[in-house]
Amino acid sequence: MTEQVAERSGTVAVARARWAALAVFFVNGTVFSTFVSRVPSLKLDLGLSDGTLGAILTLFGLAALLTMQFAGPLVGRFGSARVIRLAVVVSPFLLAGIGLAGDAVQLGGAVLLLGMMHGTLDVAMNAHAVVVERESGRSVMSSCHAAWSISAVAASLVGAGFTRAGSSAAEHYLWVGAVLVVAGLAATAGLLPASADRVEETGGGGTKRASWRSGWTRRVCVFGAMGFTAMILEAMVISWSGVFLHDARGATLAAAALGFTAFSACQAAGRLVGDRLTERHGAPALFRVGGVIAAVGLAVVVLSPSWVAGIAGFALLGLGGSVLLPLIFSAVGHAGGAGAGAATFLSRFTTFTYAGGLIGPALIGWFAEATSLTWTLAGLLPLLGAVVLNARVMAGQERKAPLAG
């Protein structure tokens, strides 16, 4: 009887942790997207040049990349739950600090700090999602990333509303930040305890803490190359889909914007059902099918002379590509094993994905300048094909049997 009560209690705790993880992803996505939604206002209010703004925005990505290298050891020492709890409370205050910045230096400092917190939270929340998967025996990573995607859309709409109402970036950030502090505290209450992935001190020849130099294994680098490619594709759609549809396919400016809209909507929809499909068909099979659908979508974009078909191609690219990054994140985390290994492996992997997101738009621009944007997008097809051919590395995720109920 006691064992049954304990098992039921554990089932409830893991179920709560799943919803808590979803909420944390949503809060993190809201912080980031709220910041991005008012970048034009920040530029205008502070009188920043394009070069100055570009340098400040680059600080965010570089700070996140640097901090990720130390996130694994932090999780190993304190547990992902504690790291998440700190980050979701501090991030809204840093967001407010960005809005209150009075000049470029203050803005750069606030953006730098938010980037550091974002990088830390990115690793910790993905690591916690892996722990929930391991404890429940069920896939949750795709749903978590869906929550992030949905939060981005929601935050953009809220940002548009604040802008239309004539509110300053500072007012916008302060109001949203206040809500997010409360939401973050509520979300983290359901996380699994810090002991779930904290390395306990054993002394002597016992378990060692992860260091910033550990985790650079051959398998992680393979996963990293796959994630790098996936992020370049996503960055391409974000930065270049509108330009491609307008310049190469003759779409109006309003219609050209629909390429990214279709991609984002289908990406969110695919991630909402991704976990269910993973459990039914397995990660390798779903990864392979998703990659093929994404490749077909990209081929439609490149080969069709119609902007309408191009939008449909971006939609297919979003639908098929929706499961790729969540599945790789999950596989990387499980490859790291229990304890802080998952966070350490994820911190290395996210180095590749962030690098792809940072330099992807510039790489595409350089190649497009040398050849054309159409040929540049066509050149991404072999890279996507190579990712699909590596679907077998998705196998081997170790989880417990699904908990009853």
Protein backbone atom coordinates (compact mmCIF):
# COMPACT_ATOMS: atom_id res chain seq x y z
CA MET A 1 0.00 0.00 0.00
CA THR A 2 2.80 2.38 0.91
CA GLU A 3 4.58 1.59 -2.36
CA GLN A 4 1.41 2.32 -4.33
CA VAL A 5 0.99 5.68 -2.62
CA ALA A 6 4.64 6.52 -3.30
CA GLU A 7 4.29 5.53 -6.96
CA ARG A 8 1.12 7.61 -7.33
CA SER A 9 2.85 10.56 -5.70
CA GLY A 10 5.78 10.19 -8.08
CA THR A 11 3.43 10.07 -11.07
CA VAL A 12 1.71 13.28 -9.98
CA ALA A 13 5.06 15.00 -9.40
CA VAL A 14 6.32 14.09 -12.88
CA ALA A 15 3.03 15.20 -14.48
CA ARG A 16 3.32 18.55 -12.68
CA ALA A 17 6.93 18.84 -13.80
CA ARG A 18 5.89 18.36 -17.42
CA TRP A 19 3.49 21.29 -17.24
CA ALA A 20 6.05 23.30 -15.31
CA ALA A 21 8.63 22.70 -18.04
CA LEU A 22 6.15 23.83 -20.69
CA ALA A 23 5.49 27.00 -18.69
CA VAL A 24 9.21 27.74 -18.30
CA PHE A 25 9.75 27.44 -22.07
CA PHE A 26 6.80 29.79 -22.58
CA VAL A 27 8.18 32.35 -20.12
CA ASN A 28 11.63 32.21 -21.68
CA GLY A 29 10.23 32.64 -25.18
CA THR A 30 8.09 35.54 -24.01
CA VAL A 31 11.08 37.36 -22.49
CA PHE A 32 13.14 37.00 -25.64
CA SER A 33 10.36 37.84 -28.09
CA THR A 34 9.21 40.82 -26.01
CA PHE A 35 12.73 42.19 -26.17
CA VAL A 36 12.96 41.65 -29.95
CA SER A 37 9.52 43.11 -30.65
CA ARG A 38 10.58 46.60 -29.51
CA VAL A 39 14.08 46.73 -31.00
CA PRO A 40 12.94 49.31 -33.61
CA SER A 41 11.59 51.49 -30.78
CA LEU A 42 14.84 51.20 -28.85
CA LYS A 43 16.79 52.23 -31.94
CA LEU A 44 14.61 55.29 -32.47
CA ASP A 45 14.38 56.34 -28.81
CA LEU A 46 18.14 56.19 -28.23
CA GLY A 47 19.12 57.48 -31.67
CA LEU A 48 21.25 54.45 -32.46
CA SER A 49 22.96 53.93 -35.80
CA ASP A 50 22.54 50.65 -37.67
CA GLY A 51 26.11 49.68 -36.80
CA THR A 52 25.70 50.42 -33.09
CA LEU A 53 22.42 48.53 -32.89
CA GLY A 54 23.95 45.58 -34.75
CA ALA A 55 26.87 45.46 -32.32
CA ILE A 56 24.54 45.57 -29.30
CA LEU A 57 22.35 42.78 -30.68
CA THR A 58 25.45 40.71 -31.40
CA LEU A 59 26.38 41.07 -27.72
CA PHE A 60 23.24 39.15 -26.80
CA GLY A 61 24.18 36.11 -28.88
CA LEU A 62 27.84 36.16 -27.88
CA ALA A 63 26.95 36.42 -24.19
CA ALA A 64 24.53 33.51 -24.50
CA LEU A 65 27.15 31.41 -26.29
CA LEU A 66 29.79 32.10 -23.65
CA THR A 67 27.49 31.44 -20.71
CA MET A 68 26.30 28.15 -22.19
CA GLN A 69 29.78 26.75 -21.70
CA PHE A 70 29.37 27.03 -17.93
CA ALA A 71 25.70 26.09 -17.67
CA GLY A 72 26.41 22.36 -17.45
CA PRO A 73 28.64 22.68 -14.37
CA LEU A 74 26.08 25.03 -12.79
CA VAL A 75 23.33 22.46 -13.22
CA GLY A 76 25.65 19.79 -11.85
CA ARG A 77 26.33 21.80 -8.73
CA PHE A 78 22.89 23.27 -8.00
CA GLY A 79 20.43 21.25 -10.09
CA SER A 80 18.50 22.49 -13.12
CA ALA A 81 15.45 23.46 -11.03
CA ARG A 82 17.41 26.01 -8.98
CA VAL A 83 19.15 27.44 -12.02
CA ILE A 84 15.80 27.77 -13.83
CA ARG A 85 14.16 29.38 -10.81
CA LEU A 86 16.86 32.03 -10.58
CA ALA A 87 16.87 32.73 -14.32
CA VAL A 88 13.11 33.12 -14.77
CA VAL A 89 12.97 35.60 -11.88
CA VAL A 90 16.03 37.64 -12.89
CA SER A 91 15.30 37.76 -16.66
CA PRO A 92 12.19 39.99 -16.42
CA PHE A 93 14.15 42.48 -14.30
CA LEU A 94 16.88 42.56 -16.95
CA LEU A 95 14.19 43.05 -19.60
CA ALA A 96 12.94 46.05 -17.67
CA GLY A 97 16.53 47.31 -17.43
CA ILE A 98 16.78 47.27 -21.22
CA GLY A 99 13.68 49.43 -21.46
CA LEU A 100 15.05 51.90 -18.90
CA ALA A 101 18.47 52.23 -20.59
CA GLY A 102 19.30 55.85 -21.30
CA ASP A 103 22.10 55.45 -23.82
CA ALA A 104 23.92 52.89 -25.96
CA VAL A 105 26.33 51.87 -23.19
CA GLN A 106 23.56 51.17 -20.69
CA LEU A 107 21.58 49.32 -23.34
CA GLY A 108 24.60 47.23 -24.28
CA GLY A 109 25.20 46.28 -20.65
CA ALA A 110 21.58 45.29 -20.07
CA VAL A 111 21.46 43.29 -23.31
CA LEU A 112 24.71 41.56 -22.38
CA LEU A 113 23.30 40.48 -19.01
CA LEU A 114 20.03 39.30 -20.54
CA GLY A 115 22.00 37.28 -23.08
CA MET A 116 23.95 35.60 -20.30
CA MET A 117 20.77 34.74 -18.42
CA HIS A 118 19.08 33.54 -21.61
CA GLY A 119 21.96 31.20 -22.45
CA THR A 120 21.95 29.74 -18.95
CA LEU A 121 18.19 29.23 -18.95
CA ASP A 122 18.23 27.70 -22.43
CA VAL A 123 20.52 24.90 -21.29
CA ALA A 124 18.88 24.39 -17.89
CA MET A 125 15.30 24.20 -19.18
CA ASN A 126 16.21 21.72 -21.94
CA ALA A 127 18.11 19.66 -19.36
CA HIS A 128 15.06 19.62 -17.10
CA ALA A 129 12.85 18.53 -20.00
CA VAL A 130 15.22 15.58 -20.54
CA VAL A 131 14.88 14.64 -16.85
CA VAL A 132 11.09 14.74 -17.16
CA GLU A 133 11.31 12.51 -20.24
CA ARG A 134 13.55 10.08 -18.40
CA GLU A 135 11.33 9.95 -15.33
CA SER A 136 8.04 9.69 -17.20
CA GLY A 137 9.15 7.54 -20.11
CA ARG A 138 7.33 9.91 -22.43
CA SER A 139 8.38 12.52 -24.95
CA VAL A 140 7.91 16.15 -23.89
CA MET A 141 10.64 18.02 -25.75
CA SER A 142 8.60 18.81 -28.84
CA SER A 143 5.74 20.20 -26.73
CA CYS A 144 8.20 22.34 -24.81
CA HIS A 145 9.58 23.83 -28.00
CA ALA A 146 6.01 24.33 -29.22
CA ALA A 147 5.37 26.39 -26.10
CA TRP A 148 8.39 28.52 -26.99
CA SER A 149 7.11 29.01 -30.55
CA ILE A 150 3.62 29.94 -29.35
CA SER A 151 5.04 32.39 -26.83
CA ALA A 152 6.97 34.11 -29.61
CA VAL A 153 3.76 34.70 -31.57
CA ALA A 154 1.89 35.85 -28.45
CA ALA A 155 4.66 38.22 -27.39
CA SER A 156 4.86 39.71 -30.88
CA LEU A 157 1.10 40.40 -30.85
CA VAL A 158 1.31 41.96 -27.39
CA GLY A 159 4.25 44.06 -28.54
CA ALA A 160 2.25 45.26 -31.54
CA GLY A 161 -0.58 46.19 -29.19
CA PHE A 162 1.68 48.22 -26.88
CA THR A 163 3.25 49.94 -29.88
CA ARG A 164 -0.13 50.80 -31.40
CA ALA A 165 -1.26 52.19 -28.03
CA GLY A 166 1.73 54.54 -28.03
CA SER A 167 3.42 52.96 -25.01
CA SER A 168 7.18 53.30 -24.72
CA ALA A 169 9.46 50.29 -24.71
CA ALA A 170 10.12 50.92 -21.01
CA GLU A 171 6.42 50.81 -20.14
CA HIS A 172 5.94 47.71 -22.28
CA TYR A 173 8.88 45.88 -20.70
CA LEU A 174 7.91 46.86 -17.15
CA TRP A 175 4.33 45.62 -17.47
CA VAL A 176 5.30 42.38 -19.19
CA GLY A 177 8.21 41.87 -16.79
CA ALA A 178 5.93 42.20 -13.76
CA VAL A 179 3.59 39.55 -15.16
CA LEU A 180 6.47 37.24 -16.03
CA VAL A 181 7.99 37.37 -12.55
CA VAL A 182 4.72 36.09 -11.09
CA ALA A 183 4.25 33.58 -13.91
CA GLY A 184 7.84 32.36 -13.56
CA LEU A 185 7.54 31.77 -9.83
CA ALA A 186 4.28 29.88 -10.34
CA ALA A 187 5.78 27.80 -13.15
CA THR A 188 8.88 26.73 -11.27
CA ALA A 189 6.89 25.51 -8.26
CA GLY A 190 6.12 22.31 -10.15
CA LEU A 191 9.65 21.47 -11.29
CA LEU A 192 11.32 18.28 -10.12
CA PRO A 193 13.66 18.74 -7.15
CA ALA A 194 17.21 19.89 -7.70
CA SER A 195 18.45 16.41 -6.78
CA ALA A 196 17.01 15.11 -10.06
CA ASP A 197 20.11 16.19 -11.98
CA ARG A 198 22.51 17.55 -9.38
CA VAL A 199 25.81 15.76 -8.84
CA GLU A 200 26.26 14.89 -5.19
CA GLU A 201 29.65 15.29 -3.58
CA THR A 202 31.08 11.85 -2.80
CA GLY A 203 34.72 12.61 -2.04
CA GLY A 204 37.71 10.43 -2.84
CA GLY A 205 37.28 8.70 -6.17
CA GLY A 206 33.55 9.45 -6.37
CA THR A 207 31.63 11.36 -8.96
CA LYS A 208 33.34 14.43 -10.32
CA ARG A 209 31.65 17.61 -11.29
CA ALA A 210 31.41 18.49 -14.95
CA SER A 211 33.88 21.13 -16.08
CA TRP A 212 33.56 23.68 -18.85
CA ARG A 213 35.92 21.54 -20.94
CA SER A 214 33.93 18.29 -20.71
CA GLY A 215 31.22 17.10 -23.08
CA TRP A 216 33.00 17.71 -26.38
CA THR A 217 32.52 14.15 -27.62
CA ARG A 218 32.39 12.98 -31.22
CA ARG A 219 28.68 12.20 -30.90
CA VAL A 220 27.89 15.64 -29.53
CA CYS A 221 29.77 17.20 -32.44
CA VAL A 222 27.71 15.12 -34.91
CA PHE A 223 24.54 16.28 -33.21
CA GLY A 224 25.95 19.81 -33.22
CA ALA A 225 26.54 19.77 -36.98
CA MET A 226 22.96 18.62 -37.48
CA GLY A 227 21.62 21.33 -35.17
CA PHE A 228 23.82 23.94 -36.86
CA THR A 229 22.26 23.06 -40.22
CA ALA A 230 18.73 23.09 -38.82
CA MET A 231 19.29 26.52 -37.29
CA ILE A 232 20.72 27.93 -40.53
CA LEU A 233 17.52 26.80 -42.26
CA GLU A 234 15.40 28.48 -39.60
CA ALA A 235 17.51 31.65 -39.70
CA MET A 236 17.17 31.64 -43.49
CA VAL A 237 13.39 31.69 -43.25
CA ILE A 238 13.37 34.39 -40.57
CA SER A 239 15.80 36.70 -42.37
CA TRP A 240 15.49 35.91 -46.06
CA SER A 241 12.09 34.34 -46.89
CA GLY A 242 10.44 37.73 -47.42
CA VAL A 243 13.34 39.01 -49.52
CA PHE A 244 13.30 35.85 -51.65
CA LEU A 245 9.54 35.93 -52.28
CA HIS A 246 9.63 39.64 -53.15
CA ASP A 247 12.82 39.85 -55.20
CA ALA A 248 12.94 36.41 -56.84
CA ARG A 249 9.24 35.52 -57.10
CA GLY A 250 7.57 38.91 -57.52
CA ALA A 251 5.38 38.89 -54.42
CA THR A 252 4.17 42.16 -52.97
CA LEU A 253 5.73 43.23 -49.68
CA ALA A 254 2.57 42.21 -47.80
CA ALA A 255 2.44 38.80 -49.48
CA ALA A 256 6.17 38.24 -49.01
CA ALA A 257 5.72 38.41 -45.24
CA LEU A 258 3.38 35.42 -45.41
CA GLY A 259 6.29 33.05 -46.03
CA PHE A 260 7.55 33.44 -42.46
CA THR A 261 3.99 33.42 -41.11
CA ALA A 262 3.21 30.12 -42.83
CA PHE A 263 6.50 28.64 -41.66
CA SER A 264 5.93 29.67 -38.04
CA ALA A 265 2.32 28.47 -37.91
CA CYS A 266 3.19 25.05 -39.34
CA GLN A 267 6.24 24.77 -37.11
CA ALA A 268 4.13 25.36 -34.00
CA ALA A 269 1.45 22.92 -35.20
CA GLY A 270 4.03 20.22 -35.91
CA ARG A 271 5.61 20.59 -32.51
CA LEU A 272 2.25 20.30 -30.77
CA VAL A 273 1.83 16.76 -32.11
CA GLY A 274 5.54 15.89 -32.24
CA ASP A 275 5.68 14.10 -28.88
CA ARG A 276 2.70 11.90 -29.70
CA LEU A 277 4.23 10.96 -33.06
CA THR A 278 7.58 10.24 -31.42
CA GLU A 279 5.99 7.80 -28.98
CA ARG A 280 4.02 6.12 -31.74
CA HIS A 281 6.66 5.83 -34.45
CA GLY A 282 10.00 6.35 -32.69
CA ALA A 283 12.47 9.22 -32.93
CA PRO A 284 14.55 7.95 -35.90
CA ALA A 285 11.50 7.34 -38.13
CA LEU A 286 9.87 10.66 -37.26
CA PHE A 287 13.15 12.51 -37.76
CA ARG A 288 13.58 10.91 -41.19
CA VAL A 289 10.03 11.70 -42.31
CA GLY A 290 10.20 15.23 -40.95
CA GLY A 291 13.47 15.83 -42.75
CA VAL A 292 12.07 14.55 -46.04
CA ILE A 293 9.00 16.80 -45.74
CA ALA A 294 11.27 19.75 -44.97
CA ALA A 295 13.43 18.92 -48.01
CA VAL A 296 10.36 18.73 -50.25
CA GLY A 297 9.25 22.12 -48.95
CA LEU A 298 12.63 23.68 -49.62
CA ALA A 299 12.67 22.13 -53.12
CA VAL A 300 9.25 23.67 -53.83
CA VAL A 301 10.57 27.06 -52.69
CA VAL A 302 13.59 26.81 -54.98
CA LEU A 303 11.98 25.26 -58.08
CA SER A 304 8.57 26.90 -58.26
CA PRO A 305 8.33 30.23 -60.13
CA SER A 306 5.17 31.18 -58.20
CA TRP A 307 5.24 33.10 -54.93
CA VAL A 308 2.08 31.31 -53.85
CA ALA A 309 3.81 27.96 -54.22
CA GLY A 310 6.81 29.48 -52.46
CA ILE A 311 4.69 30.27 -49.41
CA ALA A 312 3.37 26.70 -49.50
CA GLY A 313 6.96 25.47 -49.65
CA PHE A 314 7.92 27.48 -46.57
CA ALA A 315 4.87 26.01 -44.82
CA LEU A 316 6.07 22.48 -45.61
CA LEU A 317 9.57 23.42 -44.48
CA GLY A 318 8.14 24.58 -41.14
CA LEU A 319 5.97 21.47 -40.74
CA GLY A 320 8.72 18.98 -41.51
CA GLY A 321 11.46 20.88 -39.76
CA SER A 322 9.36 21.39 -36.63
CA VAL A 323 10.43 18.09 -35.10
CA LEU A 324 14.09 18.16 -36.04
CA LEU A 325 15.54 20.40 -33.32
CA PRO A 326 13.37 19.04 -30.46
CA LEU A 327 14.34 15.48 -31.38
CA ILE A 328 18.03 16.38 -31.51
CA PHE A 329 17.80 18.25 -28.18
CA SER A 330 16.20 15.19 -26.60
CA ALA A 331 18.75 12.78 -28.09
CA VAL A 332 21.67 14.94 -26.94
CA GLY A 333 20.31 15.17 -23.41
CA HIS A 334 19.72 11.43 -23.12
CA ALA A 335 23.16 10.74 -24.60
CA GLY A 336 24.62 12.68 -21.68
CA GLY A 337 23.10 10.23 -19.20
CA ALA A 338 21.76 11.00 -15.76
CA GLY A 339 22.89 13.80 -13.48
CA ALA A 340 24.65 16.81 -14.94
CA GLY A 341 25.71 14.94 -18.08
CA ALA A 342 22.56 15.97 -19.92
CA ALA A 343 23.12 19.65 -19.18
CA THR A 344 26.81 19.41 -20.12
CA PHE A 345 26.04 17.78 -23.47
CA LEU A 346 23.23 20.25 -24.12
CA SER A 347 25.48 23.21 -23.36
CA ARG A 348 27.91 22.00 -26.04
CA PHE A 349 25.11 21.31 -28.50
CA THR A 350 23.50 24.72 -28.06
CA THR A 351 26.86 26.27 -28.91
CA PHE A 352 26.40 24.89 -32.42
CA THR A 353 22.73 25.87 -32.74
CA TYR A 354 23.31 29.43 -31.53
CA ALA A 355 26.26 29.76 -33.85
CA GLY A 356 24.03 28.67 -36.74
CA GLY A 357 21.41 31.21 -35.77
CA LEU A 358 23.98 33.99 -35.43
CA ILE A 359 26.01 33.53 -38.58
CA GLY A 360 23.39 31.84 -40.78
CA PRO A 361 21.81 35.04 -42.14
CA ALA A 362 25.22 36.54 -42.91
CA LEU A 363 26.43 33.37 -44.65
CA ILE A 364 23.33 33.28 -46.82
CA GLY A 365 23.80 36.94 -47.68
CA TRP A 366 27.43 36.42 -48.68
CA PHE A 367 26.66 33.42 -50.89
CA ALA A 368 23.67 35.20 -52.41
CA GLU A 369 25.92 38.14 -53.28
CA ALA A 370 28.39 35.79 -54.97
CA THR A 371 25.78 33.72 -56.85
CA SER A 372 22.08 34.40 -56.28
CA LEU A 373 19.60 33.88 -53.47
CA THR A 374 17.87 31.08 -55.39
CA TRP A 375 21.12 29.14 -55.86
CA THR A 376 22.05 29.76 -52.25
CA LEU A 377 18.79 28.24 -51.02
CA ALA A 378 19.30 25.34 -53.44
CA GLY A 379 22.69 24.78 -51.82
CA LEU A 380 20.96 24.12 -48.51
CA LEU A 381 19.22 21.05 -49.92
CA PRO A 382 22.32 18.78 -49.79
CA LEU A 383 22.98 19.92 -46.22
CA LEU A 384 19.43 19.04 -45.24
CA GLY A 385 19.82 15.70 -47.00
CA ALA A 386 22.93 14.95 -44.95
CA VAL A 387 20.97 15.69 -41.76
CA VAL A 388 18.21 13.27 -42.81
CA LEU A 389 20.74 10.53 -43.59
CA ASN A 390 21.99 10.77 -40.01
CA ALA A 391 18.56 10.01 -38.55
CA ARG A 392 19.90 6.75 -37.10
CA VAL A 393 21.77 8.67 -34.39
CA MET A 394 18.37 9.52 -32.88
CA ALA A 395 18.15 5.93 -31.58
CA GLY A 396 19.27 4.92 -28.11
CA GLN A 397 17.41 7.38 -25.91
CA GLU A 398 17.18 5.82 -22.47
CA ARG A 399 13.98 6.35 -20.52
CA LYS A 400 12.06 4.62 -17.83
CA ALA A 401 8.92 2.74 -18.69
CA PRO A 402 5.90 5.08 -18.85
CA LEU A 403 4.38 5.69 -15.45
CA ALA A 404 0.88 4.42 -14.95
CA GLY A 405 -1.94 6.94 -15.21
